[in-house]
Amino acid sequence: MPPQIDHERLLLTLGILAVLVVAYSIVIVQQILLGVFVVLVLGLVYLFFVLLQLLDRIATALEAIAEQRRE
């Protein structure tokens, strides 16, 4: 079983990374659209991890139901 993801830590890390990327895209590169694109990708990565954890919980619950029906 994979280790559980700490949502608060992951969200905080992605948030800090998003702010840094937007600041870099505005100050250094001067292209805000690049920063927005990267922030959207980071948001999709977070949603993907949440989806994987949700699917793992559903699979675990289904296994428990199947085990109860066998007994």
C-alpha atoms as a PDB file:
ATOM      1  CA  MET A   1       0.000   0.000   0.000  1.00  0.00           C
ATOM      2  CA  PRO A   2       1.482   3.386  -0.966  1.00  0.00           C
ATOM      3  CA  PRO A   3       2.057   5.946   1.769  1.00  0.00           C
ATOM      4  CA  GLN A   4      -0.754   8.413   2.381  1.00  0.00           C
ATOM      5  CA  ILE A   5      -0.324  11.883   0.916  1.00  0.00           C
ATOM      6  CA  ASP A   6      -0.520  14.765   3.370  1.00  0.00           C
ATOM      7  CA  HIS A   7      -2.944  17.097   1.551  1.00  0.00           C
ATOM      8  CA  GLU A   8      -2.031  20.186   3.549  1.00  0.00           C
ATOM      9  CA  ARG A   9       1.685  19.808   2.895  1.00  0.00           C
ATOM     10  CA  LEU A  10       1.130  19.040  -0.792  1.00  0.00           C
ATOM     11  CA  LEU A  11      -1.225  21.991  -1.206  1.00  0.00           C
ATOM     12  CA  LEU A  12       1.173  24.311   0.616  1.00  0.00           C
ATOM     13  CA  THR A  13       4.112  23.162  -1.516  1.00  0.00           C
ATOM     14  CA  LEU A  14       2.176  23.564  -4.758  1.00  0.00           C
ATOM     15  CA  GLY A  15       0.912  26.972  -3.616  1.00  0.00           C
ATOM     16  CA  ILE A  16       4.400  28.245  -2.843  1.00  0.00           C
ATOM     17  CA  LEU A  17       5.678  26.865  -6.130  1.00  0.00           C
ATOM     18  CA  ALA A  18       2.796  28.527  -7.990  1.00  0.00           C
ATOM     19  CA  VAL A  19       3.536  31.918  -6.413  1.00  0.00           C
ATOM     20  CA  LEU A  20       7.227  31.603  -7.262  1.00  0.00           C
ATOM     21  CA  VAL A  21       6.467  30.642 -10.862  1.00  0.00           C
ATOM     22  CA  VAL A  22       4.035  33.526 -11.328  1.00  0.00           C
ATOM     23  CA  ALA A  23       6.521  35.975  -9.788  1.00  0.00           C
ATOM     24  CA  TYR A  24       9.269  34.646 -12.068  1.00  0.00           C
ATOM     25  CA  SER A  25       7.047  34.850 -15.134  1.00  0.00           C
ATOM     26  CA  ILE A  26       6.046  38.441 -14.380  1.00  0.00           C
ATOM     27  CA  VAL A  27       9.377  39.861 -13.175  1.00  0.00           C
ATOM     28  CA  ILE A  28      11.985  37.974 -15.193  1.00  0.00           C
ATOM     29  CA  VAL A  29      10.309  36.650 -18.347  1.00  0.00           C
ATOM     30  CA  GLN A  30       7.529  39.283 -18.474  1.00  0.00           C
ATOM     31  CA  GLN A  31       5.009  36.801 -19.866  1.00  0.00           C
ATOM     32  CA  ILE A  32       2.121  36.275 -17.456  1.00  0.00           C
ATOM     33  CA  LEU A  33       0.490  33.625 -19.650  1.00  0.00           C
ATOM     34  CA  LEU A  34       3.452  31.305 -19.071  1.00  0.00           C
ATOM     35  CA  GLY A  35       2.958  31.608 -15.311  1.00  0.00           C
ATOM     36  CA  VAL A  36      -0.776  30.996 -15.575  1.00  0.00           C
ATOM     37  CA  PHE A  37      -0.162  27.893 -17.673  1.00  0.00           C
ATOM     38  CA  VAL A  38       2.309  26.463 -15.154  1.00  0.00           C
ATOM     39  CA  VAL A  39      -0.070  27.194 -12.260  1.00  0.00           C
ATOM     40  CA  LEU A  40      -2.870  25.381 -14.106  1.00  0.00           C
ATOM     41  CA  VAL A  41      -0.586  22.392 -14.639  1.00  0.00           C
ATOM     42  CA  LEU A  42       0.273  22.384 -10.925  1.00  0.00           C
ATOM     43  CA  GLY A  43      -3.438  22.444 -10.101  1.00  0.00           C
ATOM     44  CA  LEU A  44      -4.036  19.496 -12.404  1.00  0.00           C
ATOM     45  CA  VAL A  45      -1.200  17.580 -10.740  1.00  0.00           C
ATOM     46  CA  TYR A  46      -2.823  18.155  -7.346  1.00  0.00           C
ATOM     47  CA  LEU A  47      -6.216  17.028  -8.622  1.00  0.00           C
ATOM     48  CA  PHE A  48      -4.606  13.925 -10.131  1.00  0.00           C
ATOM     49  CA  PHE A  49      -3.100  12.946  -6.767  1.00  0.00           C
ATOM     50  CA  VAL A  50      -6.433  13.522  -5.036  1.00  0.00           C
ATOM     51  CA  LEU A  51      -8.145  11.348  -7.656  1.00  0.00           C
ATOM     52  CA  LEU A  52      -5.601   8.560  -7.156  1.00  0.00           C
ATOM     53  CA  GLN A  53      -6.083   8.634  -3.413  1.00  0.00           C
ATOM     54  CA  LEU A  54      -9.861   8.595  -3.829  1.00  0.00           C
ATOM     55  CA  LEU A  55      -9.672   5.594  -6.168  1.00  0.00           C
ATOM     56  CA  ASP A  56      -7.429   3.808  -3.664  1.00  0.00           C
ATOM     57  CA  ARG A  57      -9.980   4.378  -0.895  1.00  0.00           C
ATOM     58  CA  ILE A  58     -12.806   3.103  -3.112  1.00  0.00           C
ATOM     59  CA  ALA A  59     -10.825  -0.019  -4.011  1.00  0.00           C
ATOM     60  CA  THR A  60     -10.025  -0.674  -0.360  1.00  0.00           C
ATOM     61  CA  ALA A  61     -13.693  -0.327   0.589  1.00  0.00           C
ATOM     62  CA  LEU A  62     -14.760  -2.686  -2.204  1.00  0.00           C
ATOM     63  CA  GLU A  63     -12.191  -5.250  -1.068  1.00  0.00           C
ATOM     64  CA  ALA A  64     -13.551  -5.035   2.483  1.00  0.00           C
ATOM     65  CA  ILE A  65     -17.121  -5.534   1.231  1.00  0.00           C
ATOM     66  CA  ALA A  66     -16.049  -8.530  -0.848  1.00  0.00           C
ATOM     67  CA  GLU A  67     -14.223 -10.014   2.145  1.00  0.00           C
ATOM     68  CA  GLN A  68     -17.342  -9.642   4.325  1.00  0.00           C
ATOM     69  CA  ARG A  69     -19.515 -11.362   1.723  1.00  0.00           C
ATOM     70  CA  ARG A  70     -17.100 -14.309   1.540  1.00  0.00           C
ATOM     71  CA  GLU A  71     -17.367 -14.958   5.262  1.00  0.00           C
END
